[in-house]
Each structure stands twice: as structure tokens, then as C-alpha cells.
Protein backbone atom coordinates (compact mmCIF):
# COMPACT_ATOMS: atom_id res chain seq x y z
CA UNK A 1 -105.41 73.55 7.32
CA UNK A 2 -102.10 75.33 7.82
CA UNK A 3 -99.83 75.92 4.82
CA UNK A 4 -96.18 75.70 5.84
CA UNK A 5 -93.37 77.58 4.16
CA UNK A 6 -91.03 74.94 2.65
CA UNK A 7 -88.06 77.03 3.72
CA UNK A 8 -88.65 76.26 7.40
CA UNK A 9 -89.20 72.51 7.05
CA UNK A 10 -86.95 70.35 9.21
CA UNK A 11 -84.72 67.80 7.51
CA UNK A 12 -86.92 64.99 8.82
CA UNK A 13 -90.01 66.69 7.39
CA UNK A 14 -88.31 66.94 3.97
CA UNK A 15 -87.49 63.22 4.16
CA UNK A 16 -91.12 62.40 4.96
CA UNK A 17 -92.41 64.47 2.04
CA UNK A 18 -89.98 62.76 -0.34
CA UNK A 19 -91.04 59.36 0.99
CA UNK A 20 -94.72 60.23 0.52
CA UNK A 21 -93.98 61.41 -3.03
CA UNK A 22 -92.13 58.19 -3.89
CA UNK A 23 -95.04 56.14 -2.55
CA UNK A 24 -97.38 57.99 -4.90
CA UNK A 25 -95.09 57.31 -7.88
CA UNK A 26 -94.70 53.66 -6.86
CA UNK A 27 -98.48 53.26 -6.74
CA UNK A 28 -98.88 54.92 -10.14
CA UNK A 29 -96.37 52.53 -11.74
CA UNK A 30 -97.91 49.52 -9.99
CA UNK A 31 -101.46 50.43 -11.07
CA UNK A 32 -100.31 50.89 -14.68
CA UNK A 33 -99.30 47.23 -14.48
CA UNK A 34 -98.50 45.15 -17.54
CA UNK A 35 -99.63 47.94 -19.84
CA UNK A 36 -96.10 49.34 -19.62
CA UNK A 37 -94.71 45.99 -20.75
CA UNK A 38 -97.14 45.91 -23.66
CA UNK A 39 -96.20 49.41 -24.79
CA UNK A 40 -92.47 48.59 -24.70
CA UNK A 41 -93.12 45.43 -26.71
CA UNK A 42 -95.30 46.96 -29.43
CA UNK A 43 -94.30 50.61 -29.79
CA UNK A 44 -92.16 51.44 -32.85
CA UNK A 45 -90.61 54.42 -31.04
CA UNK A 46 -87.16 54.57 -29.48
CA UNK A 47 -86.92 53.21 -25.94
CA UNK A 48 -86.22 56.73 -24.65
CA UNK A 49 -89.44 58.05 -26.17
CA UNK A 50 -91.39 55.02 -24.94
CA UNK A 51 -90.20 55.59 -21.38
CA UNK A 52 -91.12 59.27 -21.52
CA UNK A 53 -94.61 58.52 -22.85
CA UNK A 54 -95.28 55.85 -20.22
CA UNK A 55 -94.07 58.13 -17.42
CA UNK A 56 -96.38 60.98 -18.41
CA UNK A 57 -99.40 58.72 -18.90
CA UNK A 58 -99.11 56.72 -15.69
CA UNK A 59 -98.63 59.85 -13.57
CA UNK A 60 -101.51 61.70 -15.22
CA UNK A 61 -103.80 58.77 -14.44
CA UNK A 62 -103.05 58.98 -10.72
CA UNK A 63 -103.29 62.73 -10.42
CA UNK A 64 -102.47 64.45 -7.14
CA UNK A 65 -103.31 67.83 -5.66
CA UNK A 66 -102.04 70.00 -8.47
CA UNK A 67 -101.46 73.76 -8.29
CA UNK A 68 -102.36 75.80 -11.37
CA UNK A 69 -98.82 77.06 -11.82
CA UNK A 70 -96.48 76.36 -14.74
CA UNK A 71 -93.00 75.23 -13.69
CA UNK A 72 -89.86 74.90 -15.75
CA UNK A 73 -87.22 72.20 -15.82
CA UNK A 74 -85.29 69.78 -18.01
CA UNK A 75 -87.24 66.62 -17.13
CA UNK A 76 -90.02 64.52 -18.65
CA UNK A 77 -92.67 65.36 -16.05
CA UNK A 78 -92.94 68.48 -13.91
CA UNK A 79 -95.79 69.72 -11.75
CA UNK A 80 -96.53 72.24 -9.06
CA UNK A 81 -98.45 70.39 -6.34
CA UNK A 82 -99.71 70.48 -2.80
CA UNK A 83 -98.44 67.79 -0.45
CA UNK A 84 -101.30 67.17 1.97
CA UNK A 85 -100.09 66.11 5.41
CA UNK A 86 -102.20 65.42 8.51
CA UNK A 87 -101.32 68.74 10.17
CA UNK A 88 -100.21 70.95 7.29
CA UNK A 89 -99.97 71.55 3.55
CA UNK A 90 -96.68 72.14 1.72
CA UNK A 91 -96.22 73.42 -1.83
CA UNK A 92 -93.95 71.26 -3.98
CA UNK A 93 -92.39 71.43 -7.43
CA UNK A 94 -92.04 67.83 -8.57
CA UNK A 95 -89.50 66.90 -11.26
CA UNK A 96 -89.55 63.32 -12.59
CA UNK A 97 -87.23 62.03 -15.30
CA UNK A 98 -87.46 58.66 -17.05
CA UNK A 99 -84.61 56.42 -18.18
CA UNK A 100 -84.53 53.30 -20.39
CA UNK A 101 -81.44 51.11 -20.19
CA UNK A 102 -80.38 47.47 -20.30
CA UNK A 103 -78.90 47.58 -16.79
CA UNK A 104 -80.33 48.62 -13.44
CA UNK A 105 -77.35 49.58 -11.30
CA UNK A 106 -77.42 53.35 -11.84
CA UNK A 107 -78.94 56.17 -13.86
CA UNK A 108 -77.47 59.29 -15.44
CA UNK A 109 -78.74 62.67 -14.35
CA UNK A 110 -77.82 66.11 -15.59
CA UNK A 111 -76.91 68.87 -13.17
CA UNK A 112 -80.12 70.64 -14.19
CA UNK A 113 -82.02 67.75 -12.58
CA UNK A 114 -80.78 67.97 -9.00
CA UNK A 115 -80.50 70.54 -6.21
CA UNK A 116 -77.62 68.64 -4.55
CA UNK A 117 -73.90 69.22 -4.76
CA UNK A 118 -72.07 66.35 -6.45
CA UNK A 119 -69.05 65.61 -4.29
CA UNK A 120 -66.93 62.71 -5.55
CA UNK A 121 -63.48 61.60 -6.69
CA UNK A 122 -62.75 61.14 -10.37
CA UNK A 123 -59.31 59.81 -11.27
CA UNK A 124 -57.91 61.06 -7.95
CA UNK A 125 -59.41 64.50 -8.58
CA UNK A 126 -61.95 65.93 -6.15
CA UNK A 127 -65.18 67.07 -7.80
CA UNK A 128 -67.57 69.55 -6.20
CA UNK A 129 -70.31 70.55 -8.66
CA UNK A 130 -73.60 72.24 -7.69
CA UNK A 131 -76.86 71.12 -9.26
CA UNK A 132 -78.74 74.00 -10.86
CA UNK A 133 -82.16 73.27 -9.37
CA UNK A 134 -82.90 75.39 -6.30
CA UNK A 135 -83.65 73.64 -3.03
CA UNK A 136 -86.69 75.88 -2.67
CA UNK A 137 -88.32 77.04 -5.91
CA UNK A 138 -90.25 80.28 -6.26
CA UNK A 139 -93.14 80.82 -8.66
CA UNK A 140 -95.72 83.60 -8.52
CA UNK A 141 -94.35 84.84 -5.21
CA UNK A 142 -94.89 81.42 -3.58
CA UNK A 143 -92.25 79.01 -2.28
CA UNK A 144 -92.18 75.33 -3.29
CA UNK A 145 -90.07 72.44 -2.02
CA UNK A 146 -88.08 71.02 -4.95
CA UNK A 147 -88.37 67.24 -5.26
CA UNK A 148 -86.63 65.10 -7.90
CA UNK A 149 -87.39 61.45 -8.70
CA UNK A 150 -86.40 58.95 -11.40
CA UNK A 151 -88.34 56.17 -13.12
CA UNK A 152 -85.78 53.78 -14.61
CA UNK A 153 -87.00 51.16 -17.10
CA UNK A 154 -84.75 48.13 -17.59
CA UNK A 155 -85.41 46.09 -20.73
CA UNK A 156 -83.79 43.57 -23.03
CA UNK A 157 -84.11 43.01 -26.78
CA UNK A 158 -84.92 39.67 -28.36
CA UNK A 159 -83.46 38.41 -31.64
CA UNK A 160 -86.11 40.31 -33.61
CA UNK A 161 -85.26 43.54 -31.82
CA UNK A 162 -88.47 43.72 -29.75
CA UNK A 163 -88.12 45.44 -26.37
CA UNK A 164 -89.12 43.34 -23.34
CA UNK A 165 -89.57 45.35 -20.14
CA UNK A 166 -88.03 43.50 -17.19
CA UNK A 167 -87.94 45.89 -14.28
CA UNK A 168 -88.69 49.42 -13.15
CA UNK A 169 -86.59 51.10 -10.47
CA UNK A 170 -88.06 54.20 -8.84
CA UNK A 171 -85.61 56.48 -7.04
CA UNK A 172 -86.01 59.58 -4.88
CA UNK A 173 -83.02 61.91 -5.22
CA UNK A 174 -82.54 63.85 -1.95
CA UNK A 175 -83.20 67.56 -1.84
CA UNK A 176 -80.04 69.62 -1.52
CA UNK A 177 -80.90 70.51 2.08
CA UNK A 178 -80.17 66.86 2.90
CA UNK A 179 -76.63 67.11 1.52
CA UNK A 180 -74.87 66.24 4.77
CA UNK A 181 -76.95 63.09 5.16
CA UNK A 182 -76.34 61.71 1.69
CA UNK A 183 -73.13 63.21 0.28
CA UNK A 184 -71.15 65.06 2.94
CA UNK A 185 -67.71 64.46 1.39
CA UNK A 186 -66.09 63.26 -1.82
CA UNK A 187 -65.54 59.88 -0.15
CA UNK A 188 -69.06 59.49 1.22
CA UNK A 189 -71.87 59.80 -1.28
CA UNK A 190 -74.33 58.32 -3.73
CA UNK A 191 -72.68 59.16 -7.06
CA UNK A 192 -70.74 57.40 -9.81
CA UNK A 193 -68.85 59.06 -12.65
CA UNK A 194 -71.12 60.23 -15.47
CA UNK A 195 -70.73 59.59 -19.16
CA UNK A 196 -69.33 62.92 -20.21
CA UNK A 197 -65.99 63.83 -21.77
CA UNK A 198 -64.65 67.14 -20.40
CA UNK A 199 -61.95 67.19 -23.09
CA UNK A 200 -64.73 67.37 -25.69
CA UNK A 201 -66.52 70.17 -23.88
CA UNK A 202 -69.46 68.00 -22.86
CA UNK A 203 -71.60 69.14 -19.94
CA UNK A 204 -70.82 67.58 -16.58
CA UNK A 205 -73.02 64.59 -15.79
CA UNK A 206 -73.21 62.12 -12.97
CA UNK A 207 -74.75 58.72 -12.32
CA UNK A 208 -76.68 58.01 -9.16
CA UNK A 209 -75.81 54.58 -7.77
CA UNK A 210 -78.95 52.73 -6.73
CA UNK A 211 -77.00 50.57 -4.27
CA UNK A 212 -75.31 53.55 -2.62
CA UNK A 213 -78.56 55.49 -2.33
CA UNK A 214 -80.33 52.42 -0.95
CA UNK A 215 -77.52 52.00 1.55
CA UNK A 216 -78.20 55.49 2.86
CA UNK A 217 -81.99 55.03 3.05
CA UNK A 218 -83.48 51.79 1.76
CA UNK A 219 -86.92 53.28 1.01
CA UNK A 220 -85.42 55.66 -1.59
CA UNK A 221 -85.10 52.78 -4.09
CA UNK A 222 -88.22 50.79 -4.99
CA UNK A 223 -88.42 48.06 -7.63
CA UNK A 224 -91.19 46.47 -9.68
CA UNK A 225 -90.65 43.47 -11.95
CA UNK A 226 -92.60 42.20 -14.96
CA UNK A 227 -93.40 38.51 -15.40
CA UNK A 228 -94.13 38.14 -19.09
CA UNK A 229 -95.18 34.51 -18.77
CA UNK A 230 -97.72 35.14 -16.00
CA UNK A 231 -98.63 38.61 -17.30
CA UNK A 232 -98.08 40.16 -13.88
CA UNK A 233 -96.43 43.28 -12.53
CA UNK A 234 -94.90 42.32 -9.19
CA UNK A 235 -93.53 44.30 -6.29
CA UNK A 236 -94.19 45.59 -2.80
CA UNK A 237 -93.07 48.71 -0.94
CA UNK A 238 -89.73 48.22 0.78
CA UNK A 239 -89.14 50.05 4.06
């Protein structure tokens, strides 16, 4: 089987690899089922720590074609992998971050978690910030396609303070090579203003809008819901 250099992949091939990766993550979350709901309900940890633990466990259970190469990044789960396609193999560095919030419209990412430029308007000011992840990573003299995804847990608290998991949104953030398809200008993109205060010297952050990303490519946002009464995890892949 031919191994293809990620640097010569077409834009459509990058899209297909990101779609295949999101399908794998979707299946891992779906197979984990109501166990995620149970952990949220019973764990004494903070919701952030619960989300991180669930993300690592569910992905380790549905292991892929891993490469024995350590990778570095500011996310909850990171792996060097092979993406096995019918006609070729591509090396990939996969970065997955988890979020736990009481809303499901967007998620905050740091610039160390994307290879895209963030082009947007903030208070009539044009912003053009480059994510610090490379589009193509290099480890041990080998090239890897950089892929970033999010697993966003939406929950609510009852009167006793117990956390009830309601929904998981899984999002595939485009590789920076797809910039012109997803965020070509400050007026055409997938971003919302992040929760950072420049006057306080806080690092620049941005929120990815699930609706805007879905509007660009509907498959990039997938959702699973949890029916506590029926004890079911529900959802199907959306094209």
C-alpha cells in the first residue's frame, strides 16, 4: 500500500480524511453510550476533569492505527496515527480537546489548538491571528497531516448540584490548508469572539460557532443526545 506525503494531498483529500476521522470519533462516543452520562452524574471531579477523562477513555477503547511516535500539543488527547484509505496510507497527528459547558452553540479554542488563521471583526477591528499548530507536522523526519477535533459535553445541574449530561457535539476544525473554504475573509468565517481580555494581557482566544461551521459543511458538526429516562444514547451520522 502506498504511503502518501501529506504535503501533496489535495484539498478534497484533506476534507475526506477529516470526515473519516470525525466518523471514528462519533462511533467512539456512540459506543461509550450512557456510561458517559453515568460518569458525569456520579464523579466528584470538576466537569472539566470529567470531560477530559471520558474523552481519553472512549478514544482508547476504539483504538485506531497508531504510530509509535510521541507528539506534543496543548489538548486532552493527541496521537500519531495512520489513516488507512482504499488506495493509500497517510500519516496524521490527531489533536482532540474536550469541553464541558451548559450551552451548545460554540466552544472556545486556544490558538495552540488550530492550524487556521482566525480572520474576524471584533468591535469594528479586523483580526488576523495565526494558529500555532502547523498544517503539516514533522516528527522523526516524517510528515503528518495535522487534524483538530472537539468533543463538547453539554450538561445541566440539578438542585443538588449533580451534573446531568444532555448532549455531546463533535466538531472537526478544518486544517489550515482549507482556509479559503472556511474563513477566507473577516466577514466570512466560522469564528465568534473569544473570552479573553487583551487589556489584561490574556492570550488571544476564539470561539468556533457550531452553526457557522455546520453552514459551511454540515458533516463537520455531529450531535448525540442522552435520554436519562430511557437510558439511551441517541444519534445518527448527519451528512
